[in-house]
Amino acid sequence: MTMVLAGGYTDESGSFARGDVQCADQSTVHQPVADPGEPCIALTVTRGALVPTGFFSILARLFPRFGA
C-alpha cells in the first residue's frame, strides 16, 4: 500500500498525486516513475518479501544479505 504525501508518480495502473492511495498484491509489477515538478514523497507499507526486478535484481544477487 502506498500513500502519496507530496508530488506524484505514474505506473502501469495510472497516475497518483498527493493524498492518493494505491493498493497492490503479489501479482503486481510496480515500476513507478516520479512526475515532473515537485519531488514525489510517499509512504509505503509492505507485507511479505519484495521481489526486485531489473537493475535492482542484479544488485540483490551481488549483495544477497540485502536482497531477502
Protein backbone atom coordinates (compact mmCIF):
# COMPACT_ATOMS: atom_id res chain seq x y z
CA MET A 1 0.00 0.00 0.00
CA THR A 2 1.40 3.39 -0.98
CA MET A 3 0.14 6.85 0.01
CA VAL A 4 1.45 9.90 -1.81
CA LEU A 5 2.39 12.67 0.63
CA ALA A 6 3.78 15.16 -1.93
CA GLY A 7 4.27 15.29 -5.68
CA GLY A 8 3.08 12.28 -7.62
CA TYR A 9 4.03 9.26 -9.68
CA THR A 10 2.78 7.20 -12.60
CA ASP A 11 2.94 3.45 -13.05
CA GLU A 12 1.25 0.71 -15.08
CA SER A 13 -2.08 1.22 -13.31
CA GLY A 14 -2.34 5.02 -13.53
CA SER A 15 -1.24 8.33 -12.04
CA PHE A 16 -1.24 9.09 -8.33
CA ALA A 17 -1.00 12.51 -6.68
CA ARG A 18 -0.93 13.93 -3.13
CA GLY A 19 -3.45 12.09 -0.94
CA ASP A 20 -3.93 9.15 -3.32
CA VAL A 21 -3.53 5.59 -2.04
CA GLN A 22 -2.56 2.66 -4.25
CA CYS A 23 -3.08 -0.93 -3.11
CA ALA A 24 -1.34 -3.81 -4.86
CA ASP A 25 -0.84 -7.52 -4.36
CA GLN A 26 1.93 -10.00 -5.14
CA SER A 27 0.89 -10.23 -8.80
CA THR A 28 1.55 -6.52 -9.39
CA VAL A 29 4.69 -5.41 -11.20
CA HIS A 30 5.24 -1.95 -9.77
CA GLN A 31 7.66 0.35 -11.60
CA PRO A 32 6.69 3.90 -10.58
CA VAL A 33 8.17 6.98 -12.21
CA ALA A 34 8.04 10.29 -10.33
CA ASP A 35 6.08 13.02 -12.09
CA PRO A 36 7.96 16.17 -13.14
CA GLY A 37 7.85 19.17 -10.81
CA GLU A 38 7.51 18.71 -7.07
CA PRO A 39 9.55 15.79 -5.65
CA CYS A 40 7.48 12.66 -5.01
CA ILE A 41 7.37 11.67 -1.34
CA ALA A 42 5.38 8.56 -0.50
CA LEU A 43 4.76 6.32 2.49
CA THR A 44 4.83 2.63 1.57
CA VAL A 45 3.82 -0.31 3.74
CA THR A 46 4.54 -3.87 2.64
CA ARG A 47 3.76 -7.33 3.92
CA GLY A 48 5.92 -10.21 2.77
CA ALA A 49 9.02 -10.18 0.61
CA LEU A 50 9.61 -7.76 -2.22
CA VAL A 51 10.88 -9.29 -5.47
CA PRO A 52 13.23 -6.83 -7.16
CA THR A 53 13.32 -6.73 -10.96
CA GLY A 54 15.66 -5.15 -13.48
CA PHE A 55 18.73 -3.37 -12.15
CA PHE A 56 17.72 -3.95 -8.53
CA SER A 57 17.55 -7.71 -9.02
CA ILE A 58 21.19 -7.62 -10.15
CA LEU A 59 22.16 -5.70 -7.01
CA ALA A 60 20.23 -8.17 -4.85
CA ARG A 61 22.19 -11.07 -6.35
CA LEU A 62 25.51 -9.25 -5.86
CA PHE A 63 24.69 -8.42 -2.24
CA PRO A 64 22.49 -11.33 -1.04
CA ARG A 65 22.45 -10.06 2.55
CA PHE A 66 20.39 -7.09 1.37
CA GLY A 67 18.28 -8.98 -1.18
CA ALA A 68 15.99 -11.06 1.02
